[in-house]
Amino acid sequence: MMWWDTRKLSEPLDSMILYNDVNHGGVNVGGCSLEYNSEAGPMKYLVGTELGTVVSVNLRNRKVNNGISVSEDTIGKKHLGPIYSIQRNPIHNKFFITIGDWTAKIWNEDFKSPIITTNYHENYLTGGCWSPVRAGVFYTITATGSLNVWDFNHRQNESVLSYNIGRIPLTSISAQGNPQVASNLLAVGDEDGTVSLLELCKSLSHPQKDEKVNILNMFDRETRKEKHLEARERELKRANASKNQESTVENEKYDDDAILREIEEKFRKLLESETEEKSS
């Protein structure tokens, strides 16, 4: 990861090596997508990696693990391929979305596992972004040329709209506007270098009543759920570790008993042989 100044493009101002394990060094990982939002913190960065994990960088904590925190590298919590898009929610900056493999995942920056994962899309995802004006709407694009619209304020189990732009794989997407200024334009780029400019309907380009509060409540609820699941998982790990330790101690005890029986048997045979010699 490198920081550049346009006034001096001959070399970066600073650089940092990204790795997948902050405790044991791990291996270097390549970044596929980057997110920076000054409203979430001027020293905070999010990087989607080629391994499907998320690297969070906070330069304020650079003395601790170089300011790096890595999401869990386990099946079901990470993406099964590279993360092609990563973006903070423009309205609720603490939460962000990642797009990769066949799913979109929503995260809380304080957790190392996603709080929401969409159902698997039929086609491989190549990118996505949030709506800049609606807190619960995001878009995903596919390798088969389709655009999918998700509206969590309406339903969470499937997309509300799927629109086929063409047969060429789509590679990039960007929505115009910000939380203060609404816009109904969406730009999508494909593998051949063609940009398609789409005009959104009013329901997708203007905030809905109570949506901001409803989506925040949903994210907070899923965060609490994930927190309880993580606590339960830690309890199970401790219980299993304790059970394995007891099993190891018991096995060692059985081994000791076997050794004692073997020694006693050898001693008994020795006594019998000595007794036979004396009698003879």
C-alpha atoms as a PDB file:
ATOM      1  CA  MET A   1       0.000   0.000   0.000  1.00  0.00           C
ATOM      2  CA  MET A   2       1.490   3.351  -1.060  1.00  0.00           C
ATOM      3  CA  TRP A   3       0.700   6.998  -0.454  1.00  0.00           C
ATOM      4  CA  TRP A   4       1.410   9.500  -3.261  1.00  0.00           C
ATOM      5  CA  ASP A   5       1.553  13.271  -3.617  1.00  0.00           C
ATOM      6  CA  THR A   6       0.627  14.614  -7.068  1.00  0.00           C
ATOM      7  CA  ARG A   7       3.310  17.271  -6.637  1.00  0.00           C
ATOM      8  CA  LYS A   8       5.965  14.556  -6.538  1.00  0.00           C
ATOM      9  CA  LEU A   9       5.083  11.529  -8.607  1.00  0.00           C
ATOM     10  CA  SER A  10       8.626  10.200  -8.930  1.00  0.00           C
ATOM     11  CA  GLU A  11       8.249   8.141  -5.758  1.00  0.00           C
ATOM     12  CA  PRO A  12       5.609   7.461  -3.066  1.00  0.00           C
ATOM     13  CA  LEU A  13       5.636   9.455   0.157  1.00  0.00           C
ATOM     14  CA  ASP A  14       5.152   6.344   2.239  1.00  0.00           C
ATOM     15  CA  SER A  15       4.455   2.634   1.834  1.00  0.00           C
ATOM     16  CA  MET A  16       3.293  -0.325   3.897  1.00  0.00           C
ATOM     17  CA  ILE A  17       3.427  -4.088   3.446  1.00  0.00           C
ATOM     18  CA  LEU A  18       0.055  -5.786   3.882  1.00  0.00           C
ATOM     19  CA  TYR A  19       0.008  -9.262   5.433  1.00  0.00           C
ATOM     20  CA  ASN A  20      -2.675 -11.735   6.422  1.00  0.00           C
ATOM     21  CA  ASP A  21      -1.714 -12.496  10.045  1.00  0.00           C
ATOM     22  CA  VAL A  22      -0.871  -9.675  12.446  1.00  0.00           C
ATOM     23  CA  ASN A  23       0.150 -12.048  15.249  1.00  0.00           C
ATOM     24  CA  HIS A  24       2.495 -14.376  13.377  1.00  0.00           C
ATOM     25  CA  GLY A  25       3.627 -12.278  10.430  1.00  0.00           C
ATOM     26  CA  GLY A  26       1.861 -14.410   7.836  1.00  0.00           C
ATOM     27  CA  VAL A  27       2.402 -13.838   4.144  1.00  0.00           C
ATOM     28  CA  ASN A  28       2.163 -10.692   2.077  1.00  0.00           C
ATOM     29  CA  VAL A  29      -1.203 -10.216   0.389  1.00  0.00           C
ATOM     30  CA  GLY A  30      -2.133  -8.255  -2.702  1.00  0.00           C
ATOM     31  CA  GLY A  31      -4.830  -5.611  -2.538  1.00  0.00           C
ATOM     32  CA  CYS A  32      -7.630  -5.584  -5.139  1.00  0.00           C
ATOM     33  CA  SER A  33      -9.773  -2.705  -3.852  1.00  0.00           C
ATOM     34  CA  LEU A  34      -9.323   0.295  -1.584  1.00  0.00           C
ATOM     35  CA  GLU A  35     -11.690   2.499   0.408  1.00  0.00           C
ATOM     36  CA  TYR A  36     -10.953   5.832   2.048  1.00  0.00           C
ATOM     37  CA  ASN A  37     -13.626   8.042   3.578  1.00  0.00           C
ATOM     38  CA  SER A  38     -12.440  11.007   5.639  1.00  0.00           C
ATOM     39  CA  GLU A  39     -15.751  11.135   7.511  1.00  0.00           C
ATOM     40  CA  ALA A  40     -15.021   7.694   8.997  1.00  0.00           C
ATOM     41  CA  GLY A  41     -11.574   8.868  10.122  1.00  0.00           C
ATOM     42  CA  PRO A  42      -8.761  10.700   8.319  1.00  0.00           C
ATOM     43  CA  MET A  43      -6.269   7.937   9.153  1.00  0.00           C
ATOM     44  CA  LYS A  44      -8.441   4.914   8.355  1.00  0.00           C
ATOM     45  CA  TYR A  45      -8.233   2.766   5.216  1.00  0.00           C
ATOM     46  CA  LEU A  46      -9.947  -0.448   4.107  1.00  0.00           C
ATOM     47  CA  VAL A  47      -8.335  -2.865   1.650  1.00  0.00           C
ATOM     48  CA  GLY A  48      -9.999  -5.834  -0.029  1.00  0.00           C
ATOM     49  CA  THR A  49      -7.414  -8.516  -0.763  1.00  0.00           C
ATOM     50  CA  GLU A  50      -6.929 -11.209  -3.384  1.00  0.00           C
ATOM     51  CA  LEU A  51      -7.461 -13.842  -0.661  1.00  0.00           C
ATOM     52  CA  GLY A  52     -10.982 -12.622   0.111  1.00  0.00           C
ATOM     53  CA  THR A  53     -10.084 -11.027   3.454  1.00  0.00           C
ATOM     54  CA  VAL A  54     -10.337  -7.405   4.570  1.00  0.00           C
ATOM     55  CA  VAL A  55      -7.307  -5.507   5.856  1.00  0.00           C
ATOM     56  CA  SER A  56      -8.129  -2.505   8.025  1.00  0.00           C
ATOM     57  CA  VAL A  57      -5.375   0.098   8.390  1.00  0.00           C
ATOM     58  CA  ASN A  58      -5.421   2.771  11.100  1.00  0.00           C
ATOM     59  CA  LEU A  59      -2.304   4.932  10.990  1.00  0.00           C
ATOM     60  CA  ARG A  60      -3.034   6.298  14.465  1.00  0.00           C
ATOM     61  CA  ASN A  61      -2.146   2.845  15.816  1.00  0.00           C
ATOM     62  CA  ARG A  62       0.876   2.259  13.603  1.00  0.00           C
ATOM     63  CA  LYS A  63       3.031   1.334  16.609  1.00  0.00           C
ATOM     64  CA  VAL A  64       0.763  -1.671  17.254  1.00  0.00           C
ATOM     65  CA  ASN A  65       0.946  -4.305  14.465  1.00  0.00           C
ATOM     66  CA  ASN A  66       1.772  -1.470  12.078  1.00  0.00           C
ATOM     67  CA  GLY A  67      -1.834  -0.299  12.442  1.00  0.00           C
ATOM     68  CA  ILE A  68      -3.110  -3.393  10.615  1.00  0.00           C
ATOM     69  CA  SER A  69      -6.122  -5.517  11.539  1.00  0.00           C
ATOM     70  CA  VAL A  70      -7.170  -8.499   9.388  1.00  0.00           C
ATOM     71  CA  SER A  71     -10.613 -10.100   9.113  1.00  0.00           C
ATOM     72  CA  GLU A  72     -11.068 -13.803   9.850  1.00  0.00           C
ATOM     73  CA  ASP A  73      -9.571 -16.084   7.218  1.00  0.00           C
ATOM     74  CA  THR A  74     -12.159 -18.863   7.498  1.00  0.00           C
ATOM     75  CA  ILE A  75     -14.699 -20.284   5.058  1.00  0.00           C
ATOM     76  CA  GLY A  76     -18.089 -18.660   5.548  1.00  0.00           C
ATOM     77  CA  LYS A  77     -16.615 -15.433   6.890  1.00  0.00           C
ATOM     78  CA  LYS A  78     -14.261 -14.433   4.100  1.00  0.00           C
ATOM     79  CA  HIS A  79     -14.912 -14.273   0.354  1.00  0.00           C
ATOM     80  CA  LEU A  80     -13.987 -17.299  -1.742  1.00  0.00           C
ATOM     81  CA  GLY A  81     -12.069 -15.120  -4.199  1.00  0.00           C
ATOM     82  CA  PRO A  82     -10.700 -11.600  -4.613  1.00  0.00           C
ATOM     83  CA  ILE A  83     -12.683  -8.651  -3.239  1.00  0.00           C
ATOM     84  CA  TYR A  84     -13.367  -6.474  -6.268  1.00  0.00           C
ATOM     85  CA  SER A  85     -15.198  -3.655  -4.466  1.00  0.00           C
ATOM     86  CA  ILE A  86     -15.144  -2.296  -0.926  1.00  0.00           C
ATOM     87  CA  GLN A  87     -16.995   0.813   0.207  1.00  0.00           C
ATOM     88  CA  ARG A  88     -18.279   2.400   3.400  1.00  0.00           C
ATOM     89  CA  ASN A  89     -21.962   3.158   3.652  1.00  0.00           C
ATOM     90  CA  PRO A  90     -22.208   6.874   2.766  1.00  0.00           C
ATOM     91  CA  ILE A  91     -24.798   7.477   5.494  1.00  0.00           C
ATOM     92  CA  HIS A  92     -23.647   5.056   8.228  1.00  0.00           C
ATOM     93  CA  ASN A  93     -19.851   5.199   7.873  1.00  0.00           C
ATOM     94  CA  LYS A  94     -19.152   2.553  10.513  1.00  0.00           C
ATOM     95  CA  PHE A  95     -20.523  -0.104   8.183  1.00  0.00           C
ATOM     96  CA  PHE A  96     -19.075  -1.123   4.819  1.00  0.00           C
ATOM     97  CA  ILE A  97     -19.753  -3.542   1.992  1.00  0.00           C
ATOM     98  CA  THR A  98     -17.485  -5.953   0.128  1.00  0.00           C
ATOM     99  CA  ILE A  99     -18.200  -7.605  -3.213  1.00  0.00           C
ATOM    100  CA  GLY A 100     -16.525 -10.842  -4.271  1.00  0.00           C
ATOM    101  CA  ASP A 101     -17.204 -14.420  -5.437  1.00  0.00           C
ATOM    102  CA  TRP A 102     -21.033 -14.750  -5.643  1.00  0.00           C
ATOM    103  CA  THR A 103     -21.935 -12.688  -2.581  1.00  0.00           C
ATOM    104  CA  ALA A 104     -21.998  -9.238  -1.067  1.00  0.00           C
ATOM    105  CA  LYS A 105     -21.081  -8.941   2.602  1.00  0.00           C
ATOM    106  CA  ILE A 106     -21.802  -6.092   5.011  1.00  0.00           C
ATOM    107  CA  TRP A 107     -19.388  -5.490   7.887  1.00  0.00           C
ATOM    108  CA  ASN A 108     -19.100  -3.472  11.068  1.00  0.00           C
ATOM    109  CA  GLU A 109     -15.581  -2.017  11.262  1.00  0.00           C
ATOM    110  CA  ASP A 110     -15.297  -3.195  14.898  1.00  0.00           C
ATOM    111  CA  PHE A 111     -15.730  -6.878  13.973  1.00  0.00           C
ATOM    112  CA  LYS A 112     -13.551  -9.303  12.036  1.00  0.00           C
ATOM    113  CA  SER A 113     -16.460 -11.172  10.468  1.00  0.00           C
ATOM    114  CA  PRO A 114     -19.402  -9.933   8.378  1.00  0.00           C
ATOM    115  CA  ILE A 115     -22.734  -9.142  10.036  1.00  0.00           C
ATOM    116  CA  ILE A 116     -24.790  -9.772   6.869  1.00  0.00           C
ATOM    117  CA  THR A 117     -24.112 -11.967   3.831  1.00  0.00           C
ATOM    118  CA  THR A 118     -26.439 -12.026   0.845  1.00  0.00           C
ATOM    119  CA  ASN A 119     -27.667 -15.208  -0.745  1.00  0.00           C
ATOM    120  CA  TYR A 120     -25.441 -16.462  -3.536  1.00  0.00           C
ATOM    121  CA  HIS A 121     -26.028 -14.783  -6.878  1.00  0.00           C
ATOM    122  CA  GLU A 122     -26.467 -17.006  -9.921  1.00  0.00           C
ATOM    123  CA  ASN A 123     -23.507 -15.343 -11.644  1.00  0.00           C
ATOM    124  CA  TYR A 124     -20.023 -14.340 -10.492  1.00  0.00           C
ATOM    125  CA  LEU A 125     -19.869 -10.802  -9.090  1.00  0.00           C
ATOM    126  CA  THR A 126     -17.284  -8.349 -10.400  1.00  0.00           C
ATOM    127  CA  GLY A 127     -18.095  -5.191  -8.455  1.00  0.00           C
ATOM    128  CA  GLY A 128     -20.673  -3.085  -6.672  1.00  0.00           C
ATOM    129  CA  CYS A 129     -21.372   0.110  -4.748  1.00  0.00           C
ATOM    130  CA  TRP A 130     -23.784   1.738  -2.304  1.00  0.00           C
ATOM    131  CA  SER A 131     -26.457   4.184  -3.306  1.00  0.00           C
ATOM    132  CA  PRO A 132     -25.172   7.618  -2.240  1.00  0.00           C
ATOM    133  CA  VAL A 133     -28.613   8.764  -1.033  1.00  0.00           C
ATOM    134  CA  ARG A 134     -30.408   5.635   0.205  1.00  0.00           C
ATOM    135  CA  ALA A 135     -28.873   3.888   3.226  1.00  0.00           C
ATOM    136  CA  GLY A 136     -30.269   0.448   2.401  1.00  0.00           C
ATOM    137  CA  VAL A 137     -29.702   0.293  -1.357  1.00  0.00           C
ATOM    138  CA  PHE A 138     -26.634  -1.110  -3.099  1.00  0.00           C
ATOM    139  CA  TYR A 139     -25.816  -2.371  -6.584  1.00  0.00           C
ATOM    140  CA  THR A 140     -23.855  -5.393  -7.789  1.00  0.00           C
ATOM    141  CA  ILE A 141     -22.576  -6.193 -11.285  1.00  0.00           C
ATOM    142  CA  THR A 142     -21.789  -9.586 -12.776  1.00  0.00           C
ATOM    143  CA  ALA A 143     -19.496 -11.299 -15.251  1.00  0.00           C
ATOM    144  CA  THR A 144     -22.496 -11.966 -17.492  1.00  0.00           C
ATOM    145  CA  GLY A 145     -23.379  -8.287 -18.000  1.00  0.00           C
ATOM    146  CA  SER A 146     -26.164  -7.928 -15.436  1.00  0.00           C
ATOM    147  CA  LEU A 147     -26.872  -5.231 -12.862  1.00  0.00           C
ATOM    148  CA  ASN A 148     -28.588  -6.267  -9.612  1.00  0.00           C
ATOM    149  CA  VAL A 149     -30.317  -3.808  -7.283  1.00  0.00           C
ATOM    150  CA  TRP A 150     -30.659  -4.653  -3.576  1.00  0.00           C
ATOM    151  CA  ASP A 151     -33.008  -2.728  -1.283  1.00  0.00           C
ATOM    152  CA  PHE A 152     -32.660  -3.839   2.342  1.00  0.00           C
ATOM    153  CA  ASN A 153     -35.393  -1.447   3.383  1.00  0.00           C
ATOM    154  CA  HIS A 154     -37.766  -3.565   1.287  1.00  0.00           C
ATOM    155  CA  ARG A 155     -36.365  -7.108   1.602  1.00  0.00           C
ATOM    156  CA  GLN A 156     -33.081  -8.787   2.447  1.00  0.00           C
ATOM    157  CA  ASN A 157     -33.313 -12.287   0.976  1.00  0.00           C
ATOM    158  CA  GLU A 158     -33.052 -11.331  -2.703  1.00  0.00           C
ATOM    159  CA  SER A 159     -32.470  -8.418  -5.048  1.00  0.00           C
ATOM    160  CA  VAL A 160     -35.428  -6.257  -6.032  1.00  0.00           C
ATOM    161  CA  LEU A 161     -34.306  -5.830  -9.631  1.00  0.00           C
ATOM    162  CA  SER A 162     -31.999  -7.525 -12.131  1.00  0.00           C
ATOM    163  CA  TYR A 163     -31.264  -5.693 -15.373  1.00  0.00           C
ATOM    164  CA  ASN A 164     -29.228  -7.117 -18.248  1.00  0.00           C
ATOM    165  CA  ILE A 165     -27.006  -4.385 -19.733  1.00  0.00           C
ATOM    166  CA  GLY A 166     -25.326  -6.613 -22.320  1.00  0.00           C
ATOM    167  CA  ARG A 167     -23.342  -9.803 -22.851  1.00  0.00           C
ATOM    168  CA  ILE A 168     -19.933  -8.301 -22.047  1.00  0.00           C
ATOM    169  CA  PRO A 169     -18.650  -8.810 -18.461  1.00  0.00           C
ATOM    170  CA  LEU A 170     -19.101  -5.684 -16.352  1.00  0.00           C
ATOM    171  CA  THR A 171     -16.033  -4.479 -14.450  1.00  0.00           C
ATOM    172  CA  SER A 172     -16.845  -1.199 -12.664  1.00  0.00           C
ATOM    173  CA  ILE A 173     -19.760   0.809 -11.324  1.00  0.00           C
ATOM    174  CA  SER A 174     -20.223   4.255  -9.778  1.00  0.00           C
ATOM    175  CA  ALA A 175     -23.286   6.143  -8.546  1.00  0.00           C
ATOM    176  CA  GLN A 176     -23.472   9.933  -8.784  1.00  0.00           C
ATOM    177  CA  GLY A 177     -24.483  12.062  -5.811  1.00  0.00           C
ATOM    178  CA  ASN A 178     -24.002  12.238  -2.047  1.00  0.00           C
ATOM    179  CA  PRO A 179     -26.244  12.127   1.041  1.00  0.00           C
ATOM    180  CA  GLN A 180     -26.957  15.851   0.690  1.00  0.00           C
ATOM    181  CA  VAL A 181     -27.516  15.996  -3.088  1.00  0.00           C
ATOM    182  CA  ALA A 182     -29.684  13.353  -4.751  1.00  0.00           C
ATOM    183  CA  SER A 183     -28.916  12.091  -8.242  1.00  0.00           C
ATOM    184  CA  ASN A 184     -30.486   9.507 -10.527  1.00  0.00           C
ATOM    185  CA  LEU A 185     -27.431   8.602 -12.633  1.00  0.00           C
ATOM    186  CA  LEU A 186     -25.476   5.355 -12.478  1.00  0.00           C
ATOM    187  CA  ALA A 187     -22.398   4.623 -14.626  1.00  0.00           C
ATOM    188  CA  VAL A 188     -21.319   1.055 -15.438  1.00  0.00           C
ATOM    189  CA  GLY A 189     -18.178   0.031 -17.324  1.00  0.00           C
ATOM    190  CA  ASP A 190     -17.530  -3.257 -19.108  1.00  0.00           C
ATOM    191  CA  GLU A 191     -14.553  -5.346 -20.194  1.00  0.00           C
ATOM    192  CA  ASP A 192     -14.449  -3.740 -23.663  1.00  0.00           C
ATOM    193  CA  GLY A 193     -14.086  -0.219 -22.279  1.00  0.00           C
ATOM    194  CA  THR A 194     -17.688   0.810 -22.892  1.00  0.00           C
ATOM    195  CA  VAL A 195     -19.454   2.975 -20.278  1.00  0.00           C
ATOM    196  CA  SER A 196     -23.218   2.725 -19.925  1.00  0.00           C
ATOM    197  CA  LEU A 197     -25.026   5.617 -18.239  1.00  0.00           C
ATOM    198  CA  LEU A 198     -28.259   4.547 -16.557  1.00  0.00           C
ATOM    199  CA  GLU A 199     -31.073   6.728 -15.249  1.00  0.00           C
ATOM    200  CA  LEU A 200     -32.626   5.493 -12.007  1.00  0.00           C
ATOM    201  CA  CYS A 201     -36.272   5.783 -11.039  1.00  0.00           C
ATOM    202  CA  LYS A 202     -37.322   8.157  -8.270  1.00  0.00           C
ATOM    203  CA  SER A 203     -37.765   5.385  -5.692  1.00  0.00           C
ATOM    204  CA  LEU A 204     -34.076   4.447  -6.041  1.00  0.00           C
ATOM    205  CA  SER A 205     -32.674   7.971  -6.271  1.00  0.00           C
ATOM    206  CA  HIS A 206     -34.514   9.651  -3.370  1.00  0.00           C
ATOM    207  CA  PRO A 207     -34.461   8.786   0.358  1.00  0.00           C
ATOM    208  CA  GLN A 208     -37.444   6.873   1.720  1.00  0.00           C
ATOM    209  CA  LYS A 209     -39.338   7.717   4.889  1.00  0.00           C
ATOM    210  CA  ASP A 210     -37.582   6.457   8.063  1.00  0.00           C
ATOM    211  CA  GLU A 211     -35.096   4.471   5.942  1.00  0.00           C
ATOM    212  CA  LYS A 212     -32.015   5.916   7.639  1.00  0.00           C
ATOM    213  CA  VAL A 213     -33.249   4.878  11.097  1.00  0.00           C
ATOM    214  CA  ASN A 214     -34.573   1.511   9.943  1.00  0.00           C
ATOM    215  CA  ILE A 215     -31.312   0.510   8.270  1.00  0.00           C
ATOM    216  CA  LEU A 216     -29.234   1.617  11.266  1.00  0.00           C
ATOM    217  CA  ASN A 217     -31.465  -0.436  13.572  1.00  0.00           C
ATOM    218  CA  MET A 218     -31.042  -3.438  11.263  1.00  0.00           C
ATOM    219  CA  PHE A 219     -27.254  -3.103  11.204  1.00  0.00           C
ATOM    220  CA  ASP A 220     -27.133  -2.687  15.004  1.00  0.00           C
ATOM    221  CA  ARG A 221     -29.354  -5.738  15.482  1.00  0.00           C
ATOM    222  CA  GLU A 222     -27.153  -7.864  13.222  1.00  0.00           C
ATOM    223  CA  THR A 223     -24.080  -6.532  15.035  1.00  0.00           C
ATOM    224  CA  ARG A 224     -25.462  -7.657  18.400  1.00  0.00           C
ATOM    225  CA  LYS A 225     -26.317 -11.030  16.891  1.00  0.00           C
ATOM    226  CA  GLU A 226     -22.786 -11.445  15.548  1.00  0.00           C
ATOM    227  CA  LYS A 227     -21.369 -10.385  18.917  1.00  0.00           C
ATOM    228  CA  HIS A 228     -23.366 -13.098  20.693  1.00  0.00           C
ATOM    229  CA  LEU A 229     -22.312 -15.697  18.099  1.00  0.00           C
ATOM    230  CA  GLU A 230     -18.645 -14.784  18.528  1.00  0.00           C
ATOM    231  CA  ALA A 231     -18.976 -15.040  22.320  1.00  0.00           C
ATOM    232  CA  ARG A 232     -20.644 -18.448  21.965  1.00  0.00           C
ATOM    233  CA  GLU A 233     -17.915 -19.601  19.575  1.00  0.00           C
ATOM    234  CA  ARG A 234     -15.226 -18.569  22.069  1.00  0.00           C
ATOM    235  CA  GLU A 235     -17.028 -20.492  24.828  1.00  0.00           C
ATOM    236  CA  LEU A 236     -17.184 -23.628  22.671  1.00  0.00           C
ATOM    237  CA  LYS A 237     -13.497 -23.334  21.805  1.00  0.00           C
ATOM    238  CA  ARG A 238     -12.586 -23.026  25.496  1.00  0.00           C
ATOM    239  CA  ALA A 239     -14.828 -25.991  26.365  1.00  0.00           C
ATOM    240  CA  ASN A 240     -13.284 -28.128  23.614  1.00  0.00           C
ATOM    241  CA  ALA A 241      -9.779 -27.127  24.659  1.00  0.00           C
ATOM    242  CA  SER A 242     -10.568 -28.036  28.269  1.00  0.00           C
ATOM    243  CA  LYS A 243     -12.120 -31.354  27.188  1.00  0.00           C
ATOM    244  CA  ASN A 244      -9.096 -32.181  25.024  1.00  0.00           C
ATOM    245  CA  GLN A 245      -6.775 -31.359  27.887  1.00  0.00           C
ATOM    246  CA  GLU A 246      -8.727 -33.621  30.262  1.00  0.00           C
ATOM    247  CA  SER A 247      -8.698 -36.371  27.634  1.00  0.00           C
ATOM    248  CA  THR A 248      -4.930 -36.001  27.245  1.00  0.00           C
ATOM    249  CA  VAL A 249      -4.416 -36.197  31.023  1.00  0.00           C
ATOM    250  CA  GLU A 250      -6.666 -39.267  31.225  1.00  0.00           C
ATOM    251  CA  ASN A 251      -4.808 -40.951  28.360  1.00  0.00           C
ATOM    252  CA  GLU A 252      -1.535 -40.235  30.104  1.00  0.00           C
ATOM    253  CA  LYS A 253      -3.000 -41.775  33.269  1.00  0.00           C
ATOM    254  CA  TYR A 254      -4.008 -44.903  31.342  1.00  0.00           C
ATOM    255  CA  ASP A 255      -0.525 -45.093  29.868  1.00  0.00           C
ATOM    256  CA  ASP A 256       0.978 -44.874  33.362  1.00  0.00           C
ATOM    257  CA  ASP A 257      -1.296 -47.673  34.614  1.00  0.00           C
ATOM    258  CA  ALA A 258      -0.257 -49.892  31.714  1.00  0.00           C
ATOM    259  CA  ILE A 259       3.411 -49.276  32.456  1.00  0.00           C
ATOM    260  CA  LEU A 260       2.876 -50.120  36.143  1.00  0.00           C
ATOM    261  CA  ARG A 261       1.071 -53.351  35.248  1.00  0.00           C
ATOM    262  CA  GLU A 262       3.899 -54.309  32.908  1.00  0.00           C
ATOM    263  CA  ILE A 263       6.506 -53.675  35.623  1.00  0.00           C
ATOM    264  CA  GLU A 264       4.484 -55.669  38.167  1.00  0.00           C
ATOM    265  CA  GLU A 265       4.169 -58.569  35.714  1.00  0.00           C
ATOM    266  CA  LYS A 266       7.931 -58.602  35.063  1.00  0.00           C
ATOM    267  CA  PHE A 267       8.623 -58.473  38.819  1.00  0.00           C
ATOM    268  CA  ARG A 268       6.205 -61.382  39.448  1.00  0.00           C
ATOM    269  CA  LYS A 269       7.899 -63.491  36.779  1.00  0.00           C
ATOM    270  CA  LEU A 270      11.298 -62.664  38.271  1.00  0.00           C
ATOM    271  CA  LEU A 271      10.152 -63.795  41.722  1.00  0.00           C
ATOM    272  CA  GLU A 272       8.727 -67.015  40.297  1.00  0.00           C
ATOM    273  CA  SER A 273      11.970 -67.807  38.502  1.00  0.00           C
ATOM    274  CA  GLU A 274      14.025 -67.173  41.672  1.00  0.00           C
ATOM    275  CA  THR A 275      11.672 -69.386  43.701  1.00  0.00           C
ATOM    276  CA  GLU A 276      12.026 -72.220  41.166  1.00  0.00           C
ATOM    277  CA  GLU A 277      15.831 -71.971  41.274  1.00  0.00           C
ATOM    278  CA  LYS A 278      15.891 -72.192  45.076  1.00  0.00           C
ATOM    279  CA  SER A 279      13.577 -75.190  45.135  1.00  0.00           C
ATOM    280  CA  SER A 280      15.710 -77.020  42.590  1.00  0.00           C
END
